[in-house]
Structure formats: structure tokens, C-alpha cells
Amino acid sequence: MAVYLIVTWRTLFVCRLGREFPEISCEAVFEPAEWKSVYHVVHKEPPPPTPPTLQKRVRMVAQLGGYVNRKRADEPGPQTVWLGLQRVHDIANCWLMFGPERKNEKISEEILV
């Protein structure tokens, strides 16, 4: 039950912060590997040197959860953000293990199993 509360809190925190403070940097909430990897997946191009705003980042996460980013669409809700955050976790781990920011160390067999 405690795990569900933590996941719910983070999901609602991201939604609320993205609505209340849309112009702050997304690095206030997300690690660099998280926003860079998702930017690369959503936009199909390398991430910019400066992080996007939190509002843009929340919309990118929600797009991974099924949100359709249209001009007249409302802000993404908790369900699409929650589903998107699940994918963000996997994408960021792959970015760290295999992407341009990986360390030049041999990948241990324990990770691959």
C-alpha cells in the first residue's frame, strides 16, 4: 500500500507542478537522463543542450502514456502522466545503459539477466 501512495504522490506532484509553475526547468523534477531520453524518443532528434520547461516535459511524458497533444486539448491528467512515468523509467534506464551518456564499462551479466 505504501508503494502505491508514493507512486500516486509523485504522479500528482508532477501534474500539479507542471500546471502551477510551467516555465521552470524540468530538471527541478526530472534527472538529466530522464528528460534527455524522453526528448529523443518523442521528437526523434537529439536533445537540446538546455532542458525544456516543465510544462513541455510533462506533455512529453503524457504523450508516452497516450495523451494526444492537440492545440485545444486540456493539460494532461494523472492517468496519462502515470502511464508515461512508467515508460520514462524504462527509457531512462536504457539511455543510461546503452545511450550516449553510458560509462565505458563492461555491462555486467547481472543486469542483462
C-alpha atoms as a PDB file:
ATOM      1  CA  MET A   1       0.000   0.000   0.000  1.00  0.00           C
ATOM      2  CA  ALA A   2       2.849   2.379   0.792  1.00  0.00           C
ATOM      3  CA  VAL A   3       4.313   1.912  -2.686  1.00  0.00           C
ATOM      4  CA  TYR A   4       1.007   2.933  -4.260  1.00  0.00           C
ATOM      5  CA  LEU A   5       0.952   6.081  -2.144  1.00  0.00           C
ATOM      6  CA  ILE A   6       4.471   7.037  -3.260  1.00  0.00           C
ATOM      7  CA  VAL A   7       3.641   6.471  -6.932  1.00  0.00           C
ATOM      8  CA  THR A   8       0.385   8.407  -6.583  1.00  0.00           C
ATOM      9  CA  TRP A   9       2.104  11.270  -4.792  1.00  0.00           C
ATOM     10  CA  ARG A  10       4.801  11.610  -7.473  1.00  0.00           C
ATOM     11  CA  THR A  11       2.242  11.469 -10.274  1.00  0.00           C
ATOM     12  CA  LEU A  12       0.042  14.159  -8.738  1.00  0.00           C
ATOM     13  CA  PHE A  13       3.120  16.217  -7.799  1.00  0.00           C
ATOM     14  CA  VAL A  14       4.341  16.220 -11.415  1.00  0.00           C
ATOM     15  CA  CYS A  15       0.866  17.128 -12.742  1.00  0.00           C
ATOM     16  CA  ARG A  16       0.339  19.915 -10.228  1.00  0.00           C
ATOM     17  CA  LEU A  17       3.825  21.404 -10.549  1.00  0.00           C
ATOM     18  CA  GLY A  18       3.551  21.381 -14.340  1.00  0.00           C
ATOM     19  CA  ARG A  19       0.323  23.378 -14.107  1.00  0.00           C
ATOM     20  CA  GLU A  20       1.339  25.804 -11.352  1.00  0.00           C
ATOM     21  CA  PHE A  21       4.913  26.518 -12.495  1.00  0.00           C
ATOM     22  CA  PRO A  22       5.023  25.733 -16.228  1.00  0.00           C
ATOM     23  CA  GLU A  23       8.083  27.859 -17.018  1.00  0.00           C
ATOM     24  CA  ILE A  24      10.595  26.352 -14.569  1.00  0.00           C
ATOM     25  CA  SER A  25      13.249  23.960 -15.797  1.00  0.00           C
ATOM     26  CA  CYS A  26      12.250  20.315 -15.947  1.00  0.00           C
ATOM     27  CA  GLU A  27      15.451  19.463 -14.052  1.00  0.00           C
ATOM     28  CA  ALA A  28      13.644  20.622 -10.905  1.00  0.00           C
ATOM     29  CA  VAL A  29      11.745  17.322 -11.007  1.00  0.00           C
ATOM     30  CA  PHE A  30      13.497  15.032 -13.515  1.00  0.00           C
ATOM     31  CA  GLU A  31      17.070  13.788 -13.789  1.00  0.00           C
ATOM     32  CA  PRO A  32      19.011  14.729 -16.955  1.00  0.00           C
ATOM     33  CA  ALA A  33      18.876  11.144 -18.251  1.00  0.00           C
ATOM     34  CA  GLU A  34      15.092  11.141 -17.852  1.00  0.00           C
ATOM     35  CA  TRP A  35      14.369  14.287 -19.823  1.00  0.00           C
ATOM     36  CA  LYS A  36      17.047  13.722 -22.483  1.00  0.00           C
ATOM     37  CA  SER A  37      15.973  10.167 -23.238  1.00  0.00           C
ATOM     38  CA  VAL A  38      12.280  11.038 -23.460  1.00  0.00           C
ATOM     39  CA  TYR A  39      13.007  14.080 -25.625  1.00  0.00           C
ATOM     40  CA  HIS A  40      14.938  11.844 -28.014  1.00  0.00           C
ATOM     41  CA  VAL A  41      12.140   9.254 -28.154  1.00  0.00           C
ATOM     42  CA  VAL A  42       9.254  11.725 -28.567  1.00  0.00           C
ATOM     43  CA  HIS A  43      10.883  14.164 -31.010  1.00  0.00           C
ATOM     44  CA  LYS A  44      13.137  11.677 -32.873  1.00  0.00           C
ATOM     45  CA  GLU A  45      16.121  14.045 -32.612  1.00  0.00           C
ATOM     46  CA  PRO A  46      18.950  14.609 -30.122  1.00  0.00           C
ATOM     47  CA  PRO A  47      18.027  16.581 -27.007  1.00  0.00           C
ATOM     48  CA  PRO A  48      18.895  20.282 -26.826  1.00  0.00           C
ATOM     49  CA  PRO A  49      21.717  21.472 -24.540  1.00  0.00           C
ATOM     50  CA  THR A  50      19.250  23.304 -22.286  1.00  0.00           C
ATOM     51  CA  PRO A  51      16.380  21.444 -20.649  1.00  0.00           C
ATOM     52  CA  PRO A  52      12.809  22.204 -21.767  1.00  0.00           C
ATOM     53  CA  THR A  53      10.260  23.812 -19.491  1.00  0.00           C
ATOM     54  CA  LEU A  54       8.373  21.658 -17.055  1.00  0.00           C
ATOM     55  CA  GLN A  55       5.099  22.105 -18.959  1.00  0.00           C
ATOM     56  CA  LYS A  56       6.657  20.798 -22.185  1.00  0.00           C
ATOM     57  CA  ARG A  57       8.267  17.941 -20.300  1.00  0.00           C
ATOM     58  CA  VAL A  58       5.019  16.892 -18.616  1.00  0.00           C
ATOM     59  CA  ARG A  59       3.321  16.868 -22.017  1.00  0.00           C
ATOM     60  CA  MET A  60       6.118  14.654 -23.399  1.00  0.00           C
ATOM     61  CA  VAL A  61       5.678  12.223 -20.509  1.00  0.00           C
ATOM     62  CA  ALA A  62       1.914  12.211 -21.002  1.00  0.00           C
ATOM     63  CA  GLN A  63       2.358  11.501 -24.726  1.00  0.00           C
ATOM     64  CA  LEU A  64       4.133   8.299 -23.739  1.00  0.00           C
ATOM     65  CA  GLY A  65       1.036   7.467 -21.685  1.00  0.00           C
ATOM     66  CA  GLY A  66      -1.423   8.052 -24.525  1.00  0.00           C
ATOM     67  CA  TYR A  67      -2.055  11.798 -24.314  1.00  0.00           C
ATOM     68  CA  VAL A  68      -2.841  13.366 -27.692  1.00  0.00           C
ATOM     69  CA  ASN A  69      -1.093  16.739 -27.825  1.00  0.00           C
ATOM     70  CA  ARG A  70      -3.519  18.964 -29.730  1.00  0.00           C
ATOM     71  CA  LYS A  71      -3.944  22.727 -29.698  1.00  0.00           C
ATOM     72  CA  ARG A  72      -7.310  22.640 -27.938  1.00  0.00           C
ATOM     73  CA  ALA A  73      -6.532  19.779 -25.568  1.00  0.00           C
ATOM     74  CA  ASP A  74      -6.515  20.399 -21.832  1.00  0.00           C
ATOM     75  CA  GLU A  75      -3.489  19.732 -19.690  1.00  0.00           C
ATOM     76  CA  PRO A  76      -2.674  16.032 -19.275  1.00  0.00           C
ATOM     77  CA  GLY A  77      -4.294  14.247 -16.377  1.00  0.00           C
ATOM     78  CA  PRO A  78      -2.859  11.935 -13.740  1.00  0.00           C
ATOM     79  CA  GLN A  79      -3.632   8.716 -15.605  1.00  0.00           C
ATOM     80  CA  THR A  80      -1.687   9.588 -18.755  1.00  0.00           C
ATOM     81  CA  VAL A  81       1.159  11.016 -16.669  1.00  0.00           C
ATOM     82  CA  TRP A  82       1.237   7.863 -14.536  1.00  0.00           C
ATOM     83  CA  LEU A  83       1.379   5.610 -17.594  1.00  0.00           C
ATOM     84  CA  GLY A  84       4.012   7.868 -19.136  1.00  0.00           C
ATOM     85  CA  LEU A  85       6.158   7.818 -15.985  1.00  0.00           C
ATOM     86  CA  GLN A  86       6.242   4.031 -16.163  1.00  0.00           C
ATOM     87  CA  ARG A  87       7.698   4.253 -19.658  1.00  0.00           C
ATOM     88  CA  VAL A  88      10.067   7.071 -18.648  1.00  0.00           C
ATOM     89  CA  HIS A  89      11.656   4.800 -16.065  1.00  0.00           C
ATOM     90  CA  ASP A  90      12.392   2.111 -18.664  1.00  0.00           C
ATOM     91  CA  ILE A  91      13.561   4.562 -21.339  1.00  0.00           C
ATOM     92  CA  ALA A  92      15.882   6.383 -18.912  1.00  0.00           C
ATOM     93  CA  ASN A  93      17.447   3.106 -17.766  1.00  0.00           C
ATOM     94  CA  CYS A  94      18.101   2.111 -21.377  1.00  0.00           C
ATOM     95  CA  TRP A  95      19.557   5.586 -22.040  1.00  0.00           C
ATOM     96  CA  LEU A  96      21.950   5.188 -19.114  1.00  0.00           C
ATOM     97  CA  MET A  97      22.967   1.652 -20.076  1.00  0.00           C
ATOM     98  CA  PHE A  98      23.228   1.960 -23.858  1.00  0.00           C
ATOM     99  CA  GLY A  99      22.906   5.642 -24.805  1.00  0.00           C
ATOM    100  CA  PRO A 100      25.467   8.376 -25.366  1.00  0.00           C
ATOM    101  CA  GLU A 101      25.899   9.021 -21.637  1.00  0.00           C
ATOM    102  CA  ARG A 102      26.833   5.487 -20.718  1.00  0.00           C
ATOM    103  CA  LYS A 103      30.094   4.868 -18.972  1.00  0.00           C
ATOM    104  CA  ASN A 104      32.737   2.946 -20.849  1.00  0.00           C
ATOM    105  CA  GLU A 105      32.483  -0.017 -18.553  1.00  0.00           C
ATOM    106  CA  LYS A 106      31.614  -3.553 -19.403  1.00  0.00           C
ATOM    107  CA  ILE A 107      27.956  -4.279 -18.735  1.00  0.00           C
ATOM    108  CA  SER A 108      27.735  -6.866 -16.010  1.00  0.00           C
ATOM    109  CA  GLU A 109      25.883 -10.071 -16.734  1.00  0.00           C
ATOM    110  CA  GLU A 110      23.711  -9.496 -13.655  1.00  0.00           C
ATOM    111  CA  ILE A 111      22.000  -6.549 -15.358  1.00  0.00           C
ATOM    112  CA  LEU A 112      21.274  -8.476 -18.527  1.00  0.00           C
ATOM    113  CA  VAL A 113      19.704 -11.452 -16.753  1.00  0.00           C
END
